[in-house]
C-alpha atoms as a PDB file:
ATOM      1  CA  MET A   1      16.993   9.570 -22.591  1.00  0.00           C
ATOM      2  CA  ARG A   2      15.756   6.017 -22.915  1.00  0.00           C
ATOM      3  CA  LYS A   3      12.327   5.573 -21.413  1.00  0.00           C
ATOM      4  CA  ILE A   4      10.946   2.576 -19.568  1.00  0.00           C
ATOM      5  CA  LYS A   5       8.001   1.434 -21.661  1.00  0.00           C
ATOM      6  CA  VAL A   6       5.071   0.327 -19.527  1.00  0.00           C
ATOM      7  CA  GLY A   7       2.061  -1.895 -19.994  1.00  0.00           C
ATOM      8  CA  ILE A   8      -0.714  -1.328 -17.439  1.00  0.00           C
ATOM      9  CA  VAL A   9      -3.014  -4.307 -16.875  1.00  0.00           C
ATOM     10  CA  GLY A  10      -6.422  -3.140 -15.651  1.00  0.00           C
ATOM     11  CA  TYR A  11      -7.867   0.360 -15.629  1.00  0.00           C
ATOM     12  CA  GLY A  12     -10.180   0.429 -12.653  1.00  0.00           C
ATOM     13  CA  LEU A  13      -9.648   2.533  -9.540  1.00  0.00           C
ATOM     14  CA  SER A  14      -6.059   1.405  -9.092  1.00  0.00           C
ATOM     15  CA  GLY A  15      -4.811   1.683 -12.666  1.00  0.00           C
ATOM     16  CA  ALA A  16      -6.603   4.936 -13.437  1.00  0.00           C
ATOM     17  CA  THR A  17      -5.977   6.666 -10.108  1.00  0.00           C
ATOM     18  CA  PHE A  18      -2.757   5.365  -8.555  1.00  0.00           C
ATOM     19  CA  HIS A  19      -0.578   4.387 -11.494  1.00  0.00           C
ATOM     20  CA  ALA A  20      -1.353   6.070 -14.823  1.00  0.00           C
ATOM     21  CA  PRO A  21      -1.306   9.674 -13.459  1.00  0.00           C
ATOM     22  CA  LEU A  22       2.087   9.150 -11.809  1.00  0.00           C
ATOM     23  CA  LEU A  23       3.684   7.379 -14.758  1.00  0.00           C
ATOM     24  CA  SER A  24       2.362  10.025 -17.154  1.00  0.00           C
ATOM     25  CA  VAL A  25       4.241  12.890 -15.457  1.00  0.00           C
ATOM     26  CA  LEU A  26       7.622  11.176 -15.051  1.00  0.00           C
ATOM     27  CA  GLU A  27      10.036  11.526 -17.934  1.00  0.00           C
ATOM     28  CA  GLN A  28      11.610   8.133 -17.183  1.00  0.00           C
ATOM     29  CA  PHE A  29       8.437   6.292 -18.238  1.00  0.00           C
ATOM     30  CA  GLU A  30       6.202   5.939 -21.280  1.00  0.00           C
ATOM     31  CA  ILE A  31       2.849   4.187 -21.035  1.00  0.00           C
ATOM     32  CA  ALA A  32       2.734   2.085 -24.197  1.00  0.00           C
ATOM     33  CA  LYS A  33      -0.302  -0.151 -23.739  1.00  0.00           C
ATOM     34  CA  VAL A  34      -3.235  -0.573 -21.368  1.00  0.00           C
ATOM     35  CA  VAL A  35      -5.241  -3.776 -20.999  1.00  0.00           C
ATOM     36  CA  SER A  36      -8.819  -2.679 -20.425  1.00  0.00           C
ATOM     37  CA  SER A  37     -12.406  -2.962 -21.635  1.00  0.00           C
ATOM     38  CA  LYS A  38     -12.808   0.794 -20.959  1.00  0.00           C
ATOM     39  CA  LYS A  39     -11.271   2.041 -24.197  1.00  0.00           C
ATOM     40  CA  GLU A  40     -12.956   5.462 -24.139  1.00  0.00           C
ATOM     41  CA  LYS A  41     -11.941   6.089 -20.532  1.00  0.00           C
ATOM     42  CA  VAL A  42      -8.317   5.144 -21.207  1.00  0.00           C
ATOM     43  CA  GLN A  43      -8.060   7.266 -24.341  1.00  0.00           C
ATOM     44  CA  GLN A  44      -9.728  10.190 -22.607  1.00  0.00           C
ATOM     45  CA  ASP A  45      -7.028  10.073 -19.927  1.00  0.00           C
ATOM     46  CA  LEU A  46      -4.023   8.928 -21.942  1.00  0.00           C
ATOM     47  CA  LYS A  47      -4.747  10.147 -25.498  1.00  0.00           C
ATOM     48  CA  HIS A  48      -2.774   8.031 -27.955  1.00  0.00           C
ATOM     49  CA  VAL A  49      -1.934   5.047 -25.741  1.00  0.00           C
ATOM     50  CA  ALA A  50      -2.928   1.721 -27.326  1.00  0.00           C
ATOM     51  CA  VAL A  51      -5.794  -0.076 -25.585  1.00  0.00           C
ATOM     52  CA  VAL A  52      -5.673  -3.870 -25.892  1.00  0.00           C
ATOM     53  CA  SER A  53      -7.883  -6.675 -24.635  1.00  0.00           C
ATOM     54  CA  SER A  54      -5.399  -9.207 -23.253  1.00  0.00           C
ATOM     55  CA  LEU A  55      -2.208  -9.532 -21.249  1.00  0.00           C
ATOM     56  CA  GLU A  56      -0.705 -11.538 -24.117  1.00  0.00           C
ATOM     57  CA  GLU A  57      -0.819  -8.463 -26.359  1.00  0.00           C
ATOM     58  CA  VAL A  58       1.380  -6.677 -23.822  1.00  0.00           C
ATOM     59  CA  LEU A  59       3.783  -9.566 -23.327  1.00  0.00           C
ATOM     60  CA  GLU A  60       4.248 -10.106 -27.070  1.00  0.00           C
ATOM     61  CA  ASP A  61       5.443  -6.508 -27.435  1.00  0.00           C
ATOM     62  CA  ALA A  62       9.235  -6.666 -27.219  1.00  0.00           C
ATOM     63  CA  ALA A  63       9.445  -2.921 -26.596  1.00  0.00           C
ATOM     64  CA  ILE A  64       7.611  -3.109 -23.255  1.00  0.00           C
ATOM     65  CA  ASP A  65       9.962  -3.306 -20.266  1.00  0.00           C
ATOM     66  CA  LEU A  66       7.615  -3.119 -17.281  1.00  0.00           C
ATOM     67  CA  VAL A  67       4.167  -4.607 -16.602  1.00  0.00           C
ATOM     68  CA  VAL A  68       2.047  -2.959 -13.896  1.00  0.00           C
ATOM     69  CA  ILE A  69      -0.692  -5.351 -12.719  1.00  0.00           C
ATOM     70  CA  THR A  70      -3.713  -3.673 -11.115  1.00  0.00           C
ATOM     71  CA  THR A  71      -6.287  -6.454 -11.489  1.00  0.00           C
ATOM     72  CA  PRO A  72      -8.182  -8.127  -8.591  1.00  0.00           C
ATOM     73  CA  SER A  73      -5.815  -9.833  -6.154  1.00  0.00           C
ATOM     74  CA  GLY A  74      -6.809 -13.353  -7.123  1.00  0.00           C
ATOM     75  CA  LEU A  75      -5.400 -12.766 -10.621  1.00  0.00           C
ATOM     76  CA  HIS A  76      -2.011 -11.414  -9.514  1.00  0.00           C
ATOM     77  CA  TYR A  77      -0.115 -14.695  -9.326  1.00  0.00           C
ATOM     78  CA  GLU A  78      -0.906 -16.011 -12.806  1.00  0.00           C
ATOM     79  CA  MET A  79      -0.458 -12.636 -14.499  1.00  0.00           C
ATOM     80  CA  ALA A  80       2.807 -11.884 -12.717  1.00  0.00           C
ATOM     81  CA  LYS A  81       4.152 -15.345 -13.493  1.00  0.00           C
ATOM     82  CA  GLN A  82       3.328 -14.972 -17.193  1.00  0.00           C
ATOM     83  CA  SER A  83       4.930 -11.534 -17.264  1.00  0.00           C
ATOM     84  CA  LEU A  84       8.139 -12.610 -15.545  1.00  0.00           C
ATOM     85  CA  LEU A  85       8.505 -15.669 -17.761  1.00  0.00           C
ATOM     86  CA  ALA A  86       8.105 -13.338 -20.745  1.00  0.00           C
ATOM     87  CA  GLY A  87      11.108 -11.334 -19.495  1.00  0.00           C
ATOM     88  CA  LYS A  88       9.242  -8.302 -18.161  1.00  0.00           C
ATOM     89  CA  HIS A  89       9.827  -6.395 -14.948  1.00  0.00           C
ATOM     90  CA  VAL A  90       6.676  -6.485 -12.794  1.00  0.00           C
ATOM     91  CA  ILE A  91       4.912  -4.207 -10.332  1.00  0.00           C
ATOM     92  CA  LEU A  92       1.994  -5.778  -8.474  1.00  0.00           C
ATOM     93  CA  GLU A  93      -0.712  -3.711  -6.828  1.00  0.00           C
ATOM     94  CA  LYS A  94      -1.012  -4.612  -3.161  1.00  0.00           C
ATOM     95  CA  PRO A  95      -1.624  -7.141  -1.756  1.00  0.00           C
ATOM     96  CA  MET A  96       1.099  -9.013  -3.642  1.00  0.00           C
ATOM     97  CA  VAL A  97      -0.831 -12.281  -3.972  1.00  0.00           C
ATOM     98  CA  VAL A  98      -3.235 -14.348  -1.867  1.00  0.00           C
ATOM     99  CA  GLU A  99      -1.114 -17.383  -0.932  1.00  0.00           C
ATOM    100  CA  THR A 100       2.427 -17.398   0.432  1.00  0.00           C
ATOM    101  CA  TRP A 101       3.532 -20.152  -1.976  1.00  0.00           C
ATOM    102  CA  GLU A 102       2.489 -17.930  -4.877  1.00  0.00           C
ATOM    103  CA  ALA A 103       4.728 -15.127  -3.616  1.00  0.00           C
ATOM    104  CA  GLU A 104       7.633 -17.496  -3.025  1.00  0.00           C
ATOM    105  CA  GLU A 105       7.395 -18.896  -6.550  1.00  0.00           C
ATOM    106  CA  LEU A 106       7.242 -15.420  -8.112  1.00  0.00           C
ATOM    107  CA  ILE A 107      10.277 -14.324  -6.086  1.00  0.00           C
ATOM    108  CA  GLN A 108      12.224 -17.348  -7.299  1.00  0.00           C
ATOM    109  CA  ILE A 109      11.324 -16.701 -10.947  1.00  0.00           C
ATOM    110  CA  ALA A 110      12.251 -13.009 -10.683  1.00  0.00           C
ATOM    111  CA  GLU A 111      15.615 -13.894  -9.139  1.00  0.00           C
ATOM    112  CA  GLU A 112      16.362 -16.499 -11.805  1.00  0.00           C
ATOM    113  CA  LYS A 113      15.424 -14.093 -14.584  1.00  0.00           C
ATOM    114  CA  GLU A 114      17.185 -11.136 -12.894  1.00  0.00           C
ATOM    115  CA  LEU A 115      14.002  -9.072 -13.128  1.00  0.00           C
ATOM    116  CA  LEU A 116      12.443  -6.467 -10.877  1.00  0.00           C
ATOM    117  CA  LEU A 117       9.421  -7.616  -8.872  1.00  0.00           C
ATOM    118  CA  SER A 118       8.021  -4.903  -6.625  1.00  0.00           C
ATOM    119  CA  ILE A 119       4.778  -4.355  -4.715  1.00  0.00           C
ATOM    120  CA  TYR A 120       2.887  -1.058  -4.794  1.00  0.00           C
ATOM    121  CA  HIS A 121       2.611  -0.304  -1.079  1.00  0.00           C
ATOM    122  CA  ASN A 122       2.218   3.391  -1.815  1.00  0.00           C
ATOM    123  CA  ARG A 123       1.107   4.422   1.656  1.00  0.00           C
ATOM    124  CA  ARG A 124       4.681   4.339   2.866  1.00  0.00           C
ATOM    125  CA  TRP A 125       4.699   7.761   1.179  1.00  0.00           C
ATOM    126  CA  ASP A 126       1.632   9.219   2.920  1.00  0.00           C
ATOM    127  CA  ASN A 127       2.379  12.539   4.609  1.00  0.00           C
ATOM    128  CA  ASP A 128       1.309  11.303   8.054  1.00  0.00           C
ATOM    129  CA  PHE A 129       3.397   8.133   7.891  1.00  0.00           C
ATOM    130  CA  LEU A 130       6.479   9.951   6.617  1.00  0.00           C
ATOM    131  CA  THR A 131       6.161  12.430   9.500  1.00  0.00           C
ATOM    132  CA  ILE A 132       5.815   9.685  12.100  1.00  0.00           C
ATOM    133  CA  LYS A 133       8.699   7.726  10.602  1.00  0.00           C
ATOM    134  CA  LYS A 134      10.939  10.783  10.927  1.00  0.00           C
ATOM    135  CA  LEU A 135       9.881  11.440  14.542  1.00  0.00           C
ATOM    136  CA  ILE A 136      10.617   7.823  15.447  1.00  0.00           C
ATOM    137  CA  ASN A 137      13.931   7.696  13.589  1.00  0.00           C
ATOM    138  CA  ASP A 138      15.037  11.004  15.144  1.00  0.00           C
ATOM    139  CA  GLY A 139      14.337   9.626  18.629  1.00  0.00           C
ATOM    140  CA  VAL A 140      11.917  12.431  19.489  1.00  0.00           C
ATOM    141  CA  LEU A 141       9.474  10.008  21.144  1.00  0.00           C
ATOM    142  CA  GLY A 142      12.107   7.854  22.796  1.00  0.00           C
ATOM    143  CA  GLU A 143      11.522   4.093  22.962  1.00  0.00           C
ATOM    144  CA  ILE A 144       8.173   3.374  21.339  1.00  0.00           C
ATOM    145  CA  ASN A 145       5.803   1.271  23.443  1.00  0.00           C
ATOM    146  CA  THR A 146       2.473   1.728  21.636  1.00  0.00           C
ATOM    147  CA  TYR A 147       1.793   2.390  17.962  1.00  0.00           C
ATOM    148  CA  GLN A 148      -1.871   2.571  17.022  1.00  0.00           C
ATOM    149  CA  VAL A 149      -3.348   3.398  13.621  1.00  0.00           C
ATOM    150  CA  HIS A 150      -6.943   3.453  12.403  1.00  0.00           C
ATOM    151  CA  TYR A 151      -8.122   3.246   8.805  1.00  0.00           C
ATOM    152  CA  ASP A 152     -11.863   3.659   9.333  1.00  0.00           C
ATOM    153  CA  ARG A 153     -14.664   4.419   6.887  1.00  0.00           C
ATOM    154  CA  PHE A 154     -18.398   5.018   6.950  1.00  0.00           C
ATOM    155  CA  ARG A 155     -19.714   2.668   4.280  1.00  0.00           C
ATOM    156  CA  PRO A 156     -22.649   0.955   5.986  1.00  0.00           C
ATOM    157  CA  VAL A 157     -24.081  -0.392   2.720  1.00  0.00           C
ATOM    158  CA  VAL A 158     -22.281  -3.242   0.972  1.00  0.00           C
ATOM    159  CA  ARG A 159     -21.278  -2.243  -2.560  1.00  0.00           C
ATOM    160  CA  ASP A 160     -21.242  -4.331  -5.731  1.00  0.00           C
ATOM    161  CA  ARG A 161     -17.503  -4.676  -6.299  1.00  0.00           C
ATOM    162  CA  TRP A 162     -15.040  -7.531  -6.186  1.00  0.00           C
ATOM    163  CA  ARG A 163     -13.402  -6.486  -2.914  1.00  0.00           C
ATOM    164  CA  GLU A 164     -16.733  -6.941  -1.103  1.00  0.00           C
ATOM    165  CA  LYS A 165     -17.650 -10.279  -2.643  1.00  0.00           C
ATOM    166  CA  GLN A 166     -16.435 -13.704  -1.597  1.00  0.00           C
ATOM    167  CA  GLY A 167     -13.285 -14.596  -3.461  1.00  0.00           C
ATOM    168  CA  PRO A 168      -9.502 -14.781  -3.179  1.00  0.00           C
ATOM    169  CA  GLY A 169      -7.951 -11.628  -1.767  1.00  0.00           C
ATOM    170  CA  ALA A 170     -11.271  -9.927  -1.031  1.00  0.00           C
ATOM    171  CA  GLY A 171     -12.127  -8.253   2.245  1.00  0.00           C
ATOM    172  CA  MET A 172     -10.857  -5.398   4.359  1.00  0.00           C
ATOM    173  CA  LEU A 173      -7.839  -7.176   5.820  1.00  0.00           C
ATOM    174  CA  TYR A 174      -6.319  -7.820   2.385  1.00  0.00           C
ATOM    175  CA  ASP A 175      -7.357  -4.373   1.128  1.00  0.00           C
ATOM    176  CA  LEU A 176      -6.643  -1.781   3.822  1.00  0.00           C
ATOM    177  CA  GLY A 177      -4.939  -4.159   6.226  1.00  0.00           C
ATOM    178  CA  SER A 178      -2.083  -4.796   3.809  1.00  0.00           C
ATOM    179  CA  HIS A 179      -1.258  -1.061   3.898  1.00  0.00           C
ATOM    180  CA  LEU A 180      -1.168  -0.888   7.686  1.00  0.00           C
ATOM    181  CA  ILE A 181       0.778  -4.137   8.051  1.00  0.00           C
ATOM    182  CA  ASP A 182       3.381  -3.010   5.525  1.00  0.00           C
ATOM    183  CA  GLN A 183       3.827   0.314   7.329  1.00  0.00           C
ATOM    184  CA  ALA A 184       4.259  -1.436  10.680  1.00  0.00           C
ATOM    185  CA  LEU A 185       6.785  -3.967   9.372  1.00  0.00           C
ATOM    186  CA  HIS A 186       8.669  -1.149   7.653  1.00  0.00           C
ATOM    187  CA  LEU A 187       9.003   0.691  10.971  1.00  0.00           C
ATOM    188  CA  PHE A 188       9.460  -2.116  13.470  1.00  0.00           C
ATOM    189  CA  GLY A 189      10.414  -5.299  11.619  1.00  0.00           C
ATOM    190  CA  TRP A 190       9.102  -8.794  12.249  1.00  0.00           C
ATOM    191  CA  PRO A 191       6.907  -9.300  15.351  1.00  0.00           C
ATOM    192  CA  GLN A 192       6.933 -12.150  17.854  1.00  0.00           C
ATOM    193  CA  PHE A 193       3.208 -12.866  17.630  1.00  0.00           C
ATOM    194  CA  VAL A 194      -0.023 -11.824  15.933  1.00  0.00           C
ATOM    195  CA  TRP A 195      -3.437 -11.599  17.589  1.00  0.00           C
ATOM    196  CA  ALA A 196      -6.452 -10.605  15.500  1.00  0.00           C
ATOM    197  CA  ASP A 197     -10.211 -10.225  15.376  1.00  0.00           C
ATOM    198  CA  VAL A 198     -11.438 -10.243  11.761  1.00  0.00           C
ATOM    199  CA  PHE A 199     -15.114 -10.497  10.782  1.00  0.00           C
ATOM    200  CA  ALA A 200     -18.075  -8.906   8.985  1.00  0.00           C
ATOM    201  CA  GLN A 201     -20.104  -6.283  10.865  1.00  0.00           C
ATOM    202  CA  ARG A 202     -22.401  -4.986   8.128  1.00  0.00           C
ATOM    203  CA  GLU A 203     -25.699  -6.556   7.165  1.00  0.00           C
ATOM    204  CA  ASN A 204     -25.389  -8.717   4.023  1.00  0.00           C
ATOM    205  CA  ALA A 205     -21.596  -8.487   4.048  1.00  0.00           C
ATOM    206  CA  GLU A 206     -19.982 -11.375   2.156  1.00  0.00           C
ATOM    207  CA  THR A 207     -16.451 -10.821   3.433  1.00  0.00           C
ATOM    208  CA  ASP A 208     -14.670  -9.192   6.359  1.00  0.00           C
ATOM    209  CA  ASP A 209     -15.231  -5.454   6.811  1.00  0.00           C
ATOM    210  CA  TYR A 210     -13.672  -5.061  10.282  1.00  0.00           C
ATOM    211  CA  PHE A 211     -10.319  -6.002  11.734  1.00  0.00           C
ATOM    212  CA  HIS A 212      -8.382  -5.371  14.916  1.00  0.00           C
ATOM    213  CA  VAL A 213      -4.847  -6.732  14.671  1.00  0.00           C
ATOM    214  CA  ILE A 214      -2.147  -6.623  17.342  1.00  0.00           C
ATOM    215  CA  LEU A 215       1.485  -7.256  16.454  1.00  0.00           C
ATOM    216  CA  GLY A 216       3.416  -8.161  19.570  1.00  0.00           C
ATOM    217  CA  TYR A 217       7.075  -7.274  20.072  1.00  0.00           C
ATOM    218  CA  GLU A 218       9.114  -7.507  23.262  1.00  0.00           C
ATOM    219  CA  LYS A 219       7.861  -4.277  24.863  1.00  0.00           C
ATOM    220  CA  LEU A 220       6.013  -2.774  21.912  1.00  0.00           C
ATOM    221  CA  ARG A 221       2.418  -3.334  20.864  1.00  0.00           C
ATOM    222  CA  VAL A 222       1.352  -2.350  17.359  1.00  0.00           C
ATOM    223  CA  ILE A 223      -2.431  -1.972  17.021  1.00  0.00           C
ATOM    224  CA  LEU A 224      -3.925  -1.906  13.517  1.00  0.00           C
ATOM    225  CA  HIS A 225      -7.651  -1.241  13.246  1.00  0.00           C
ATOM    226  CA  SER A 226     -10.288  -0.730  10.572  1.00  0.00           C
ATOM    227  CA  GLY A 227     -14.074  -0.538  10.585  1.00  0.00           C
ATOM    228  CA  SER A 228     -16.652   0.211   7.904  1.00  0.00           C
ATOM    229  CA  ILE A 229     -19.393   1.685  10.120  1.00  0.00           C
ATOM    230  CA  VAL A 230     -17.526   4.638  11.637  1.00  0.00           C
ATOM    231  CA  PRO A 231     -19.495   7.885  11.039  1.00  0.00           C
ATOM    232  CA  ILE A 232     -16.899  10.151  12.696  1.00  0.00           C
ATOM    233  CA  ASN A 233     -13.213   9.291  12.767  1.00  0.00           C
ATOM    234  CA  GLY A 234     -11.038   9.575  15.826  1.00  0.00           C
ATOM    235  CA  PRO A 235      -7.257   9.975  15.635  1.00  0.00           C
ATOM    236  CA  ARG A 236      -5.646   8.219  12.700  1.00  0.00           C
ATOM    237  CA  PHE A 237      -2.333   7.729  14.500  1.00  0.00           C
ATOM    238  CA  GLN A 238      -1.446   7.563  18.189  1.00  0.00           C
ATOM    239  CA  VAL A 239       2.214   6.863  18.928  1.00  0.00           C
ATOM    240  CA  HIS A 240       3.493   6.709  22.502  1.00  0.00           C
ATOM    241  CA  GLY A 241       7.086   6.465  23.647  1.00  0.00           C
ATOM    242  CA  SER A 242       9.252   6.972  26.702  1.00  0.00           C
ATOM    243  CA  LYS A 243       9.774  10.656  25.850  1.00  0.00           C
ATOM    244  CA  GLY A 244       6.429  11.678  24.432  1.00  0.00           C
ATOM    245  CA  THR A 245       3.274  11.178  22.397  1.00  0.00           C
ATOM    246  CA  PHE A 246       2.279  12.086  18.849  1.00  0.00           C
ATOM    247  CA  ILE A 247      -1.390  12.209  17.831  1.00  0.00           C
ATOM    248  CA  LYS A 248      -2.502  12.803  14.253  1.00  0.00           C
ATOM    249  CA  TYR A 249      -5.936  13.205  12.670  1.00  0.00           C
ATOM    250  CA  GLY A 250      -6.900  13.221   9.009  1.00  0.00           C
ATOM    251  CA  LEU A 251      -5.976  11.206   5.938  1.00  0.00           C
ATOM    252  CA  ASP A 252      -3.287  11.937   3.359  1.00  0.00           C
ATOM    253  CA  GLY A 253      -4.938  13.786   0.470  1.00  0.00           C
ATOM    254  CA  GLN A 254      -3.041  12.313  -2.490  1.00  0.00           C
ATOM    255  CA  GLU A 255      -5.700   9.712  -3.301  1.00  0.00           C
ATOM    256  CA  ALA A 256      -8.462  12.337  -3.247  1.00  0.00           C
ATOM    257  CA  ALA A 257      -6.425  14.673  -5.461  1.00  0.00           C
ATOM    258  CA  LEU A 258      -5.652  11.913  -7.963  1.00  0.00           C
ATOM    259  CA  SER A 259      -9.328  10.903  -8.004  1.00  0.00           C
ATOM    260  CA  GLU A 260     -10.209  14.487  -8.916  1.00  0.00           C
ATOM    261  CA  GLY A 261      -7.898  14.317 -11.918  1.00  0.00           C
ATOM    262  CA  LYS A 262      -5.066  16.341 -10.400  1.00  0.00           C
ATOM    263  CA  LYS A 263      -1.457  15.388 -11.042  1.00  0.00           C
ATOM    264  CA  PRO A 264       1.741  15.826  -8.991  1.00  0.00           C
ATOM    265  CA  ILE A 265       3.352  18.514 -11.104  1.00  0.00           C
ATOM    266  CA  ASP A 266       4.526  21.086  -8.536  1.00  0.00           C
ATOM    267  CA  ASN A 267       5.993  21.385  -5.056  1.00  0.00           C
ATOM    268  CA  SER A 268       2.595  21.773  -3.403  1.00  0.00           C
ATOM    269  CA  TRP A 269       1.774  18.118  -4.065  1.00  0.00           C
ATOM    270  CA  GLY A 270       1.275  15.986  -0.972  1.00  0.00           C
ATOM    271  CA  ALA A 271       1.008  18.923   1.430  1.00  0.00           C
ATOM    272  CA  ASP A 272      -1.184  18.277   4.455  1.00  0.00           C
ATOM    273  CA  ASN A 273      -4.132  20.433   5.464  1.00  0.00           C
ATOM    274  CA  PRO A 274      -2.823  22.542   8.403  1.00  0.00           C
ATOM    275  CA  GLN A 275      -5.906  21.665  10.445  1.00  0.00           C
ATOM    276  CA  PHE A 276      -4.639  18.067  10.451  1.00  0.00           C
ATOM    277  CA  TYR A 277      -1.055  18.767  11.542  1.00  0.00           C
ATOM    278  CA  GLY A 278      -0.177  16.385  14.362  1.00  0.00           C
ATOM    279  CA  GLN A 279       0.216  17.270  18.016  1.00  0.00           C
ATOM    280  CA  LEU A 280       3.452  16.349  19.756  1.00  0.00           C
ATOM    281  CA  VAL A 281       3.737  16.293  23.554  1.00  0.00           C
ATOM    282  CA  THR A 282       7.202  15.626  24.984  1.00  0.00           C
ATOM    283  CA  ILE A 283       8.094  15.074  28.617  1.00  0.00           C
ATOM    284  CA  ASP A 284      11.207  16.510  30.274  1.00  0.00           C
ATOM    285  CA  GLY A 285      11.139  15.751  33.977  1.00  0.00           C
ATOM    286  CA  GLU A 286       7.915  17.309  35.213  1.00  0.00           C
ATOM    287  CA  LYS A 287       7.586  19.636  32.214  1.00  0.00           C
ATOM    288  CA  GLU A 288       5.343  19.010  29.236  1.00  0.00           C
ATOM    289  CA  LYS A 289       6.069  20.646  25.907  1.00  0.00           C
ATOM    290  CA  HIS A 290       3.210  20.889  23.394  1.00  0.00           C
ATOM    291  CA  GLU A 291       3.982  21.439  19.710  1.00  0.00           C
ATOM    292  CA  THR A 292       2.117  21.355  16.423  1.00  0.00           C
ATOM    293  CA  ILE A 293       4.210  19.433  13.899  1.00  0.00           C
ATOM    294  CA  GLN A 294       3.903  20.410  10.254  1.00  0.00           C
ATOM    295  CA  SER A 295       3.522  17.256   8.185  1.00  0.00           C
ATOM    296  CA  LEU A 296       6.118  16.302   5.628  1.00  0.00           C
ATOM    297  CA  HIS A 297       4.793  16.279   2.079  1.00  0.00           C
ATOM    298  CA  GLY A 298       3.441  12.971   0.855  1.00  0.00           C
ATOM    299  CA  SER A 299       4.932  11.678  -2.388  1.00  0.00           C
ATOM    300  CA  TYR A 300       3.635   8.635  -4.257  1.00  0.00           C
ATOM    301  CA  LEU A 301       5.896   9.798  -7.095  1.00  0.00           C
ATOM    302  CA  THR A 302       8.889   8.733  -5.016  1.00  0.00           C
ATOM    303  CA  TYR A 303       7.922   5.093  -5.478  1.00  0.00           C
ATOM    304  CA  TYR A 304       8.114   5.316  -9.268  1.00  0.00           C
ATOM    305  CA  LYS A 305      11.243   7.472  -9.223  1.00  0.00           C
ATOM    306  CA  GLU A 306      12.950   4.727  -7.234  1.00  0.00           C
ATOM    307  CA  ILE A 307      11.549   2.072  -9.573  1.00  0.00           C
ATOM    308  CA  ALA A 308      13.331   3.856 -12.437  1.00  0.00           C
ATOM    309  CA  GLU A 309      16.572   3.814 -10.442  1.00  0.00           C
ATOM    310  CA  SER A 310      16.084   0.112  -9.778  1.00  0.00           C
ATOM    311  CA  ILE A 311      15.682  -0.664 -13.478  1.00  0.00           C
ATOM    312  CA  PHE A 312      18.335   1.713 -14.825  1.00  0.00           C
ATOM    313  CA  GLU A 313      20.931   1.497 -12.046  1.00  0.00           C
ATOM    314  CA  GLY A 314      20.235  -1.811 -10.310  1.00  0.00           C
ATOM    315  CA  LYS A 315      19.304  -0.192  -7.012  1.00  0.00           C
ATOM    316  CA  LYS A 316      17.100  -1.967  -4.487  1.00  0.00           C
ATOM    317  CA  ALA A 317      13.371  -1.730  -5.225  1.00  0.00           C
ATOM    318  CA  PRO A 318      11.439   0.797  -3.096  1.00  0.00           C
ATOM    319  CA  VAL A 319       9.262  -2.107  -1.913  1.00  0.00           C
ATOM    320  CA  THR A 320      10.811  -5.530  -2.411  1.00  0.00           C
ATOM    321  CA  SER A 321       8.998  -8.738  -3.251  1.00  0.00           C
ATOM    322  CA  GLU A 322      10.223 -10.192   0.053  1.00  0.00           C
ATOM    323  CA  GLU A 323       8.496  -7.341   1.875  1.00  0.00           C
ATOM    324  CA  GLY A 324       5.328  -8.094  -0.075  1.00  0.00           C
ATOM    325  CA  LEU A 325       5.583 -11.735   1.009  1.00  0.00           C
ATOM    326  CA  SER A 326       5.981 -10.672   4.659  1.00  0.00           C
ATOM    327  CA  VAL A 327       2.651  -8.836   4.504  1.00  0.00           C
ATOM    328  CA  ILE A 328       0.920 -11.963   3.191  1.00  0.00           C
ATOM    329  CA  LYS A 329       2.433 -14.051   5.995  1.00  0.00           C
ATOM    330  CA  ILE A 330       1.101 -11.625   8.618  1.00  0.00           C
ATOM    331  CA  ILE A 331      -2.353 -11.656   6.980  1.00  0.00           C
ATOM    332  CA  ASP A 332      -2.292 -15.474   7.120  1.00  0.00           C
ATOM    333  CA  ALA A 333      -1.381 -15.364  10.806  1.00  0.00           C
ATOM    334  CA  ALA A 334      -4.112 -12.801  11.517  1.00  0.00           C
ATOM    335  CA  LEU A 335      -6.776 -14.945   9.847  1.00  0.00           C
ATOM    336  CA  GLU A 336      -5.550 -18.022  11.729  1.00  0.00           C
ATOM    337  CA  SER A 337      -5.599 -16.060  14.984  1.00  0.00           C
ATOM    338  CA  SER A 338      -9.110 -14.773  14.429  1.00  0.00           C
ATOM    339  CA  GLN A 339     -10.466 -18.188  13.507  1.00  0.00           C
ATOM    340  CA  GLY A 340      -8.756 -19.925  16.430  1.00  0.00           C
ATOM    341  CA  LYS A 341      -9.250 -17.058  18.892  1.00  0.00           C
ATOM    342  CA  LYS A 342      -5.629 -17.238  19.973  1.00  0.00           C
ATOM    343  CA  ALA A 343      -2.287 -15.554  19.454  1.00  0.00           C
ATOM    344  CA  ILE A 344      -0.159 -16.937  16.641  1.00  0.00           C
ATOM    345  CA  TYR A 345       3.588 -16.922  17.216  1.00  0.00           C
ATOM    346  CA  VAL A 346       5.428 -16.226  13.980  1.00  0.00           C
ATOM    347  CA  LYS A 347       8.999 -17.151  13.055  1.00  0.00           C
END
């Protein structure tokens, strides 16, 4: 079968952990080149893949079909624009870009060139989110009134990395917030308003490391929260509806497994630890029913399988560029809300 030849741009945490291991196990793809200064690391992981020093060396290769950009967020726009103009399909690591006009221009170029432009919002395929999505879609919880998710960490010391330094696309809201916003929009669509509190809690922090964002719908409130000084985590998800409640602890283990060098090569991949299975309480009249719900398996591979279908068969991208733009618009509204200490109504 013909393979989609891939150029990966950047081989830090994202390229080495979230992209290369997935692409390397799917028969639809072949990693042809990697742009990185870490030649030994790349060749240790990917053997005979060519390591180059510039994006141009990828774009000049007529055999490469798809460019996966995993560089810092502030570089996404220029690199994606160059890649699209060179006739390449593009996947951008989240967040898509920093400014809405950048996203709009990239979308226009991709449409004109009839090229794929997709955003890697992989946490749509976390085991906890997939389980909650199914419960909501099946109507088990009834009409949802409160959806609350935490993405907390205990990292009290500021680290020397680009996400924690002043610069475009840095900070917790762009980093972890983009995941939570994308999940919420995927479930509930566009909100009526955004209210947010975004600031730095840690000593010597150069950018935001805490956010509390509320997306307001008619009767639904979506609460998205993250902190960096949280020694012990509470529930990750709390979802309340007219028929019941679902509470879930723990974090999907795919990132940890990929970081340890494991690859999704069998049916055990993405399975949740049973101690973290969620608790469902449903109400029927005056009766309460308590159940432990086995989590669905997480599957970051699904994203790339659907990317192959998009390229080969013209199917809709698993995460569209328009969806990536929506996340940036909500981030903009959240920052405006926090700075002005008011709710921002969004069209």
